[in-house]
């Protein structure tokens, strides 16, 4: 397991989405063991946003967290919020969904939004509590770096 420095996190967050860098983070920090070598597309070609399944994290307390990537073809991920979250809600419904939660990257080619979405009863996440928008080269991303550093220390 790799340990990331503040500068390594900052470099990842300040640049366009890099699938290989993100794959390393989900393996190194989140302990994902089931990450696909190629993304599996699950949306129809005529849908406005293109969704891919990247893998799954099985937590020690028996939760399943889906890993998803969406290529956002229209608009900015910085301005779309709840609408993006709704793209994955069908996969994390506690009664019939396949996952208990999801870690999702929404990428518009310039910026990328990272969101943790959970709809477990009594633990549902608010749309803006667990989301970051990355890709701005001049931003220092202090809060995100602090939180990822804490996660890597667990």
N, C-alpha and C. Protein backbone atom coordinates (compact mmCIF):
# COMPACT_ATOMS: atom_id res chain seq x y z
N UNK A 1 0.83 -1.17 0.00
CA UNK A 1 0.00 0.00 0.00
C UNK A 1 0.89 1.24 0.00
N UNK A 2 0.63 2.13 -0.94
CA UNK A 2 1.41 3.36 -1.06
C UNK A 2 0.89 4.42 -0.10
N UNK A 3 1.78 5.24 0.40
CA UNK A 3 1.40 6.41 1.17
C UNK A 3 1.58 7.63 0.28
N UNK A 4 0.55 8.45 0.23
CA UNK A 4 0.56 9.63 -0.63
C UNK A 4 0.96 10.86 0.18
N UNK A 5 1.80 11.69 -0.42
CA UNK A 5 2.18 12.94 0.22
C UNK A 5 1.13 14.00 -0.13
N UNK A 6 1.19 15.10 0.59
CA UNK A 6 0.31 16.23 0.29
C UNK A 6 0.47 16.66 -1.15
N UNK A 7 1.69 16.72 -1.62
CA UNK A 7 1.94 17.16 -3.00
C UNK A 7 1.40 16.17 -4.03
N UNK A 8 1.48 14.87 -3.73
CA UNK A 8 0.92 13.88 -4.65
C UNK A 8 -0.60 14.01 -4.74
N UNK A 9 -1.25 14.16 -3.58
CA UNK A 9 -2.70 14.38 -3.59
C UNK A 9 -3.03 15.65 -4.36
N UNK A 10 -2.33 16.73 -4.06
CA UNK A 10 -2.60 18.00 -4.72
C UNK A 10 -2.45 17.88 -6.24
N UNK A 11 -1.43 17.19 -6.70
CA UNK A 11 -1.22 17.02 -8.13
C UNK A 11 -2.38 16.25 -8.76
N UNK A 12 -2.84 15.21 -8.11
CA UNK A 12 -3.97 14.43 -8.63
C UNK A 12 -5.22 15.30 -8.68
N UNK A 13 -5.48 16.05 -7.62
CA UNK A 13 -6.70 16.84 -7.53
C UNK A 13 -6.68 18.07 -8.45
N UNK A 14 -5.52 18.64 -8.72
CA UNK A 14 -5.43 19.86 -9.53
C UNK A 14 -5.52 19.59 -11.03
N UNK A 15 -5.41 18.36 -11.43
CA UNK A 15 -5.40 18.04 -12.86
C UNK A 15 -6.69 17.39 -13.31
N UNK A 16 -6.80 17.21 -14.62
CA UNK A 16 -7.94 16.49 -15.17
C UNK A 16 -7.97 15.09 -14.58
N UNK A 17 -9.14 14.47 -14.63
CA UNK A 17 -9.29 13.13 -14.08
C UNK A 17 -8.34 12.16 -14.77
N UNK A 18 -7.63 11.37 -13.95
CA UNK A 18 -6.69 10.37 -14.44
C UNK A 18 -7.14 9.03 -13.87
N UNK A 19 -7.68 8.18 -14.73
CA UNK A 19 -8.24 6.91 -14.27
C UNK A 19 -7.22 6.05 -13.53
N UNK A 20 -6.00 5.99 -14.01
CA UNK A 20 -4.99 5.14 -13.36
C UNK A 20 -4.61 5.68 -11.98
N UNK A 21 -4.51 6.98 -11.84
CA UNK A 21 -4.21 7.57 -10.53
C UNK A 21 -5.37 7.30 -9.57
N UNK A 22 -6.60 7.43 -10.07
CA UNK A 22 -7.77 7.19 -9.22
C UNK A 22 -7.85 5.71 -8.85
N UNK A 23 -7.59 4.83 -9.78
CA UNK A 23 -7.60 3.39 -9.51
C UNK A 23 -6.60 3.06 -8.40
N UNK A 24 -5.42 3.67 -8.43
CA UNK A 24 -4.42 3.43 -7.39
C UNK A 24 -4.93 3.91 -6.04
N UNK A 25 -5.60 5.05 -6.00
CA UNK A 25 -6.14 5.56 -4.74
C UNK A 25 -7.20 4.63 -4.16
N UNK A 26 -8.13 4.15 -5.00
CA UNK A 26 -9.18 3.28 -4.46
C UNK A 26 -8.61 1.96 -3.97
N UNK A 27 -7.52 1.52 -4.55
CA UNK A 27 -6.87 0.30 -4.07
C UNK A 27 -6.05 0.59 -2.81
N UNK A 28 -5.23 1.63 -2.86
CA UNK A 28 -4.32 1.93 -1.75
C UNK A 28 -5.02 2.48 -0.51
N UNK A 29 -5.99 3.35 -0.69
CA UNK A 29 -6.62 4.01 0.45
C UNK A 29 -7.91 3.33 0.88
N UNK A 30 -8.73 2.97 -0.10
CA UNK A 30 -10.03 2.38 0.23
C UNK A 30 -10.00 0.86 0.28
N UNK A 31 -8.89 0.25 -0.09
CA UNK A 31 -8.76 -1.19 0.00
C UNK A 31 -9.57 -1.97 -1.02
N UNK A 32 -9.87 -1.36 -2.16
CA UNK A 32 -10.64 -2.05 -3.19
C UNK A 32 -9.80 -3.18 -3.78
N UNK A 33 -10.38 -4.36 -3.85
CA UNK A 33 -9.69 -5.51 -4.42
C UNK A 33 -10.35 -5.96 -5.71
N UNK A 34 -11.51 -5.39 -6.01
CA UNK A 34 -12.24 -5.79 -7.21
C UNK A 34 -12.42 -4.58 -8.11
N UNK A 35 -11.33 -4.10 -8.69
CA UNK A 35 -11.36 -2.97 -9.61
C UNK A 35 -11.13 -3.51 -11.00
N UNK A 36 -12.02 -3.16 -11.91
CA UNK A 36 -11.94 -3.67 -13.28
C UNK A 36 -10.75 -3.07 -14.02
N UNK A 37 -10.12 -3.86 -14.86
CA UNK A 37 -9.02 -3.34 -15.66
C UNK A 37 -9.56 -2.39 -16.74
N UNK A 38 -10.77 -2.66 -17.23
CA UNK A 38 -11.46 -1.78 -18.17
C UNK A 38 -12.83 -1.45 -17.60
N UNK A 39 -13.23 -0.20 -17.76
CA UNK A 39 -14.55 0.19 -17.28
C UNK A 39 -15.64 -0.54 -18.07
N UNK A 40 -16.71 -0.93 -17.38
CA UNK A 40 -17.84 -1.60 -18.02
C UNK A 40 -18.97 -0.60 -18.22
N UNK A 41 -19.25 -0.26 -19.45
CA UNK A 41 -20.32 0.71 -19.75
C UNK A 41 -21.67 0.09 -19.44
N UNK A 42 -22.52 0.84 -18.76
CA UNK A 42 -23.85 0.33 -18.45
C UNK A 42 -24.96 1.25 -18.92
N UNK A 43 -24.66 2.34 -19.57
CA UNK A 43 -25.69 3.22 -20.09
C UNK A 43 -25.86 2.99 -21.58
N UNK A 44 -27.05 3.32 -22.08
CA UNK A 44 -27.33 3.21 -23.51
C UNK A 44 -26.62 4.33 -24.25
N UNK A 45 -26.21 4.08 -25.51
CA UNK A 45 -25.51 5.10 -26.27
C UNK A 45 -26.30 6.40 -26.46
N UNK A 46 -27.64 6.33 -26.40
CA UNK A 46 -28.44 7.54 -26.62
C UNK A 46 -28.69 8.34 -25.34
N UNK A 47 -28.22 7.86 -24.20
CA UNK A 47 -28.38 8.61 -22.95
C UNK A 47 -27.41 9.79 -22.94
N UNK A 48 -27.81 10.90 -22.31
CA UNK A 48 -26.96 12.10 -22.35
C UNK A 48 -25.64 11.96 -21.59
N UNK A 49 -25.59 11.15 -20.55
CA UNK A 49 -24.36 10.95 -19.78
C UNK A 49 -23.93 9.49 -19.94
N UNK A 50 -22.64 9.24 -20.00
CA UNK A 50 -22.13 7.89 -20.21
C UNK A 50 -21.61 7.35 -18.89
N UNK A 51 -22.21 6.27 -18.41
CA UNK A 51 -21.84 5.69 -17.12
C UNK A 51 -21.07 4.40 -17.25
N UNK A 52 -20.07 4.24 -16.36
CA UNK A 52 -19.24 3.04 -16.35
C UNK A 52 -19.13 2.50 -14.93
N UNK A 53 -19.14 1.19 -14.83
CA UNK A 53 -18.91 0.49 -13.57
C UNK A 53 -17.41 0.21 -13.48
N UNK A 54 -16.78 0.63 -12.37
CA UNK A 54 -15.33 0.46 -12.21
C UNK A 54 -14.97 -0.68 -11.27
N UNK A 55 -15.86 -1.03 -10.34
CA UNK A 55 -15.55 -2.09 -9.40
C UNK A 55 -16.34 -1.96 -8.12
N UNK A 56 -15.86 -2.64 -7.08
CA UNK A 56 -16.58 -2.67 -5.82
C UNK A 56 -15.60 -2.74 -4.66
N UNK A 57 -16.01 -2.17 -3.55
CA UNK A 57 -15.28 -2.30 -2.30
C UNK A 57 -16.19 -3.06 -1.35
N UNK A 58 -15.71 -4.17 -0.81
CA UNK A 58 -16.43 -4.90 0.23
C UNK A 58 -15.78 -4.53 1.55
N UNK A 59 -16.54 -3.85 2.41
CA UNK A 59 -15.97 -3.37 3.67
C UNK A 59 -15.94 -4.47 4.72
N UNK A 60 -15.08 -4.33 5.72
CA UNK A 60 -15.01 -5.34 6.78
C UNK A 60 -16.33 -5.51 7.54
N UNK A 61 -17.18 -4.47 7.55
CA UNK A 61 -18.46 -4.57 8.23
C UNK A 61 -19.60 -4.94 7.27
N UNK A 62 -19.23 -5.58 6.17
CA UNK A 62 -20.15 -6.22 5.22
C UNK A 62 -21.02 -5.26 4.42
N UNK A 63 -20.50 -4.09 4.10
CA UNK A 63 -21.18 -3.20 3.17
C UNK A 63 -20.50 -3.32 1.81
N UNK A 64 -21.29 -3.08 0.75
CA UNK A 64 -20.76 -3.09 -0.61
C UNK A 64 -20.84 -1.67 -1.16
N UNK A 65 -19.68 -1.16 -1.57
CA UNK A 65 -19.60 0.20 -2.10
C UNK A 65 -19.23 0.09 -3.58
N UNK A 66 -20.12 0.54 -4.45
CA UNK A 66 -19.87 0.51 -5.88
C UNK A 66 -18.97 1.65 -6.30
N UNK A 67 -18.12 1.39 -7.27
CA UNK A 67 -17.23 2.41 -7.84
C UNK A 67 -17.70 2.71 -9.25
N UNK A 68 -18.04 3.97 -9.50
CA UNK A 68 -18.61 4.36 -10.78
C UNK A 68 -17.86 5.55 -11.37
N UNK A 69 -17.93 5.66 -12.70
CA UNK A 69 -17.37 6.78 -13.43
C UNK A 69 -18.41 7.22 -14.45
N UNK A 70 -18.70 8.51 -14.48
CA UNK A 70 -19.62 9.07 -15.46
C UNK A 70 -18.91 10.13 -16.29
N UNK A 71 -18.97 9.98 -17.60
CA UNK A 71 -18.50 11.02 -18.51
C UNK A 71 -19.69 11.94 -18.74
N UNK A 72 -19.56 13.17 -18.28
CA UNK A 72 -20.64 14.15 -18.40
C UNK A 72 -20.44 14.87 -19.74
N UNK A 73 -21.40 14.69 -20.63
CA UNK A 73 -21.25 15.18 -21.99
C UNK A 73 -21.77 16.61 -22.19
N UNK A 74 -22.61 17.08 -21.29
CA UNK A 74 -23.14 18.45 -21.40
C UNK A 74 -23.08 19.12 -20.04
N UNK A 75 -22.64 20.35 -20.02
CA UNK A 75 -22.62 21.11 -18.78
C UNK A 75 -21.37 20.86 -17.96
N UNK A 76 -21.34 21.52 -16.82
CA UNK A 76 -20.19 21.48 -15.92
C UNK A 76 -20.52 20.69 -14.66
N UNK A 77 -19.58 19.88 -14.20
CA UNK A 77 -19.79 19.14 -12.95
C UNK A 77 -19.80 20.08 -11.75
N UNK A 78 -19.23 21.25 -11.89
CA UNK A 78 -19.22 22.22 -10.79
C UNK A 78 -20.61 22.78 -10.54
N UNK A 79 -21.45 22.83 -11.57
CA UNK A 79 -22.78 23.40 -11.44
C UNK A 79 -23.87 22.35 -11.27
N UNK A 80 -23.64 21.15 -11.73
CA UNK A 80 -24.61 20.06 -11.55
C UNK A 80 -24.34 19.42 -10.21
N UNK A 81 -25.37 19.24 -9.42
CA UNK A 81 -25.15 18.66 -8.09
C UNK A 81 -26.07 17.48 -7.87
N UNK A 82 -27.30 17.76 -7.45
CA UNK A 82 -28.24 16.70 -7.13
C UNK A 82 -28.54 15.85 -8.36
N UNK A 83 -28.59 16.46 -9.53
CA UNK A 83 -28.84 15.71 -10.76
C UNK A 83 -27.81 14.63 -10.99
N UNK A 84 -26.56 14.91 -10.66
CA UNK A 84 -25.51 13.90 -10.81
C UNK A 84 -25.71 12.78 -9.80
N UNK A 85 -26.01 13.15 -8.58
CA UNK A 85 -26.25 12.15 -7.53
C UNK A 85 -27.37 11.20 -7.93
N UNK A 86 -28.38 11.74 -8.58
CA UNK A 86 -29.53 10.91 -8.98
C UNK A 86 -29.17 9.87 -10.03
N UNK A 87 -28.06 10.07 -10.76
CA UNK A 87 -27.65 9.09 -11.76
C UNK A 87 -27.31 7.74 -11.12
N UNK A 88 -26.83 7.73 -9.89
CA UNK A 88 -26.43 6.47 -9.25
C UNK A 88 -27.41 5.98 -8.20
N UNK A 89 -28.42 6.75 -7.88
CA UNK A 89 -29.35 6.34 -6.82
C UNK A 89 -30.00 4.99 -7.09
N UNK A 90 -30.20 4.66 -8.35
CA UNK A 90 -30.86 3.37 -8.66
C UNK A 90 -30.01 2.17 -8.25
N UNK A 91 -28.71 2.36 -8.11
CA UNK A 91 -27.83 1.26 -7.74
C UNK A 91 -27.68 1.10 -6.23
N UNK A 92 -28.07 2.11 -5.46
CA UNK A 92 -27.83 2.07 -4.02
C UNK A 92 -29.11 2.12 -3.19
N UNK A 93 -30.22 1.78 -3.76
CA UNK A 93 -31.46 1.72 -3.00
C UNK A 93 -31.36 0.58 -1.99
N UNK A 94 -31.68 0.86 -0.74
CA UNK A 94 -31.50 -0.14 0.31
C UNK A 94 -32.42 -1.35 0.17
N UNK A 95 -33.50 -1.23 -0.57
CA UNK A 95 -34.43 -2.34 -0.71
C UNK A 95 -34.13 -3.21 -1.92
N UNK A 96 -33.64 -2.62 -3.02
CA UNK A 96 -33.41 -3.43 -4.21
C UNK A 96 -32.13 -3.10 -4.95
N UNK A 97 -31.35 -2.19 -4.44
CA UNK A 97 -30.09 -1.84 -5.11
C UNK A 97 -29.01 -2.87 -4.84
N UNK A 98 -28.03 -2.88 -5.70
CA UNK A 98 -26.93 -3.84 -5.58
C UNK A 98 -25.89 -3.40 -4.55
N UNK A 99 -25.81 -2.08 -4.27
CA UNK A 99 -24.78 -1.55 -3.39
C UNK A 99 -25.40 -0.78 -2.23
N UNK A 100 -24.66 -0.72 -1.14
CA UNK A 100 -25.09 0.06 0.02
C UNK A 100 -24.72 1.53 -0.13
N UNK A 101 -23.70 1.81 -0.92
CA UNK A 101 -23.21 3.16 -1.16
C UNK A 101 -22.43 3.16 -2.46
N UNK A 102 -22.02 4.35 -2.87
CA UNK A 102 -21.23 4.46 -4.10
C UNK A 102 -20.20 5.58 -3.97
N UNK A 103 -19.05 5.34 -4.56
CA UNK A 103 -18.04 6.38 -4.75
C UNK A 103 -18.03 6.62 -6.25
N UNK A 104 -18.34 7.87 -6.62
CA UNK A 104 -18.58 8.18 -8.02
C UNK A 104 -17.71 9.35 -8.47
N UNK A 105 -17.13 9.20 -9.64
CA UNK A 105 -16.43 10.30 -10.30
C UNK A 105 -17.29 10.74 -11.47
N UNK A 106 -17.58 12.04 -11.51
CA UNK A 106 -18.29 12.66 -12.63
C UNK A 106 -17.27 13.56 -13.33
N UNK A 107 -17.03 13.33 -14.61
CA UNK A 107 -15.95 14.01 -15.33
C UNK A 107 -16.51 14.72 -16.55
N UNK A 108 -16.31 16.05 -16.61
CA UNK A 108 -16.78 16.79 -17.79
C UNK A 108 -15.64 17.10 -18.76
N UNK A 109 -14.46 16.54 -18.52
CA UNK A 109 -13.31 16.76 -19.38
C UNK A 109 -12.41 17.89 -18.91
N UNK A 110 -12.96 18.77 -18.10
CA UNK A 110 -12.18 19.87 -17.54
C UNK A 110 -12.04 19.69 -16.03
N UNK A 111 -13.17 19.60 -15.36
CA UNK A 111 -13.20 19.37 -13.92
C UNK A 111 -13.82 18.01 -13.65
N UNK A 112 -13.60 17.51 -12.44
CA UNK A 112 -14.24 16.25 -12.06
C UNK A 112 -14.75 16.35 -10.63
N UNK A 113 -15.90 15.77 -10.42
CA UNK A 113 -16.55 15.78 -9.11
C UNK A 113 -16.45 14.38 -8.53
N UNK A 114 -15.99 14.31 -7.30
CA UNK A 114 -15.93 13.05 -6.56
C UNK A 114 -17.01 13.10 -5.49
N UNK A 115 -17.89 12.11 -5.48
CA UNK A 115 -18.98 12.08 -4.52
C UNK A 115 -19.09 10.72 -3.86
N UNK A 116 -19.39 10.76 -2.57
CA UNK A 116 -19.77 9.56 -1.84
C UNK A 116 -21.26 9.65 -1.65
N UNK A 117 -21.99 8.64 -2.12
CA UNK A 117 -23.45 8.64 -2.06
C UNK A 117 -23.89 7.43 -1.26
N UNK A 118 -24.69 7.68 -0.24
CA UNK A 118 -25.18 6.61 0.63
C UNK A 118 -26.63 6.89 0.96
N UNK A 119 -27.49 5.89 0.79
CA UNK A 119 -28.89 6.05 1.13
C UNK A 119 -29.37 4.98 2.10
N UNK A 120 -28.48 4.53 2.97
CA UNK A 120 -28.86 3.59 4.01
C UNK A 120 -29.71 4.35 5.02
N UNK A 121 -30.81 3.77 5.42
CA UNK A 121 -31.72 4.43 6.36
C UNK A 121 -30.94 4.93 7.58
N UNK A 122 -31.24 6.12 8.00
CA UNK A 122 -30.59 6.84 9.09
C UNK A 122 -29.17 7.28 8.77
N UNK A 123 -28.61 6.91 7.63
CA UNK A 123 -27.24 7.30 7.31
C UNK A 123 -27.13 7.95 5.93
N UNK A 124 -28.25 8.35 5.35
CA UNK A 124 -28.23 8.93 4.02
C UNK A 124 -27.34 10.17 4.00
N UNK A 125 -26.56 10.31 2.95
CA UNK A 125 -25.66 11.45 2.84
C UNK A 125 -26.38 12.62 2.18
N UNK A 126 -26.12 13.80 2.67
CA UNK A 126 -26.62 15.01 2.02
C UNK A 126 -25.79 15.23 0.76
N UNK A 127 -26.41 15.70 -0.33
CA UNK A 127 -25.68 15.83 -1.58
C UNK A 127 -24.40 16.65 -1.51
N UNK A 128 -24.30 17.65 -0.66
CA UNK A 128 -23.09 18.45 -0.64
C UNK A 128 -22.15 18.15 0.51
N UNK A 129 -22.46 17.20 1.35
CA UNK A 129 -21.59 16.90 2.48
C UNK A 129 -20.38 16.06 2.10
N UNK A 130 -20.50 15.22 1.12
CA UNK A 130 -19.42 14.31 0.76
C UNK A 130 -19.13 14.40 -0.73
N UNK A 131 -18.78 15.59 -1.17
CA UNK A 131 -18.47 15.78 -2.58
C UNK A 131 -17.40 16.86 -2.72
N UNK A 132 -16.53 16.66 -3.68
CA UNK A 132 -15.48 17.62 -3.99
C UNK A 132 -15.44 17.81 -5.50
N UNK A 133 -15.16 19.02 -5.94
CA UNK A 133 -14.93 19.30 -7.35
C UNK A 133 -13.44 19.56 -7.51
N UNK A 134 -12.81 18.80 -8.39
CA UNK A 134 -11.37 18.89 -8.62
C UNK A 134 -11.08 19.33 -10.06
N UNK A 135 -9.83 19.63 -10.32
CA UNK A 135 -9.39 19.94 -11.67
C UNK A 135 -8.97 21.38 -11.88
N UNK A 136 -9.08 22.21 -10.86
CA UNK A 136 -8.65 23.60 -10.98
C UNK A 136 -7.20 23.70 -10.52
N UNK A 137 -6.32 24.04 -11.43
CA UNK A 137 -4.88 23.99 -11.15
C UNK A 137 -4.45 24.95 -10.03
N UNK A 138 -5.15 26.06 -9.85
CA UNK A 138 -4.74 27.05 -8.84
C UNK A 138 -5.33 26.79 -7.46
N UNK A 139 -6.17 25.80 -7.32
CA UNK A 139 -6.78 25.50 -6.02
C UNK A 139 -5.84 24.59 -5.23
N UNK A 140 -5.73 24.83 -3.93
CA UNK A 140 -4.85 24.01 -3.09
C UNK A 140 -5.54 22.76 -2.53
N UNK A 141 -6.86 22.70 -2.52
CA UNK A 141 -7.64 21.53 -2.09
C UNK A 141 -7.26 21.06 -0.68
N UNK A 142 -7.08 22.01 0.21
CA UNK A 142 -6.63 21.70 1.56
C UNK A 142 -7.56 20.73 2.29
N UNK A 143 -8.86 20.97 2.26
CA UNK A 143 -9.81 20.10 2.97
C UNK A 143 -9.77 18.69 2.41
N UNK A 144 -9.80 18.56 1.10
CA UNK A 144 -9.77 17.22 0.48
C UNK A 144 -8.48 16.49 0.83
N UNK A 145 -7.36 17.19 0.78
CA UNK A 145 -6.07 16.57 1.10
C UNK A 145 -6.05 16.12 2.56
N UNK A 146 -6.56 16.96 3.46
CA UNK A 146 -6.61 16.57 4.88
C UNK A 146 -7.46 15.33 5.08
N UNK A 147 -8.61 15.28 4.42
CA UNK A 147 -9.51 14.13 4.60
C UNK A 147 -8.92 12.86 3.99
N UNK A 148 -8.30 12.96 2.85
CA UNK A 148 -7.68 11.78 2.24
C UNK A 148 -6.47 11.32 3.05
N UNK A 149 -5.76 12.26 3.64
CA UNK A 149 -4.63 11.90 4.51
C UNK A 149 -5.12 11.14 5.75
N UNK A 150 -6.23 11.58 6.31
CA UNK A 150 -6.82 10.86 7.46
C UNK A 150 -7.25 9.47 7.04
N UNK A 151 -7.91 9.35 5.88
CA UNK A 151 -8.34 8.04 5.40
C UNK A 151 -7.16 7.10 5.19
N UNK A 152 -6.09 7.60 4.67
CA UNK A 152 -4.93 6.74 4.42
C UNK A 152 -4.26 6.31 5.72
N UNK A 153 -4.49 7.07 6.79
CA UNK A 153 -3.89 6.71 8.08
C UNK A 153 -4.65 5.67 8.86
N UNK A 154 -5.86 5.32 8.38
CA UNK A 154 -6.67 4.32 9.10
C UNK A 154 -6.18 2.92 8.88
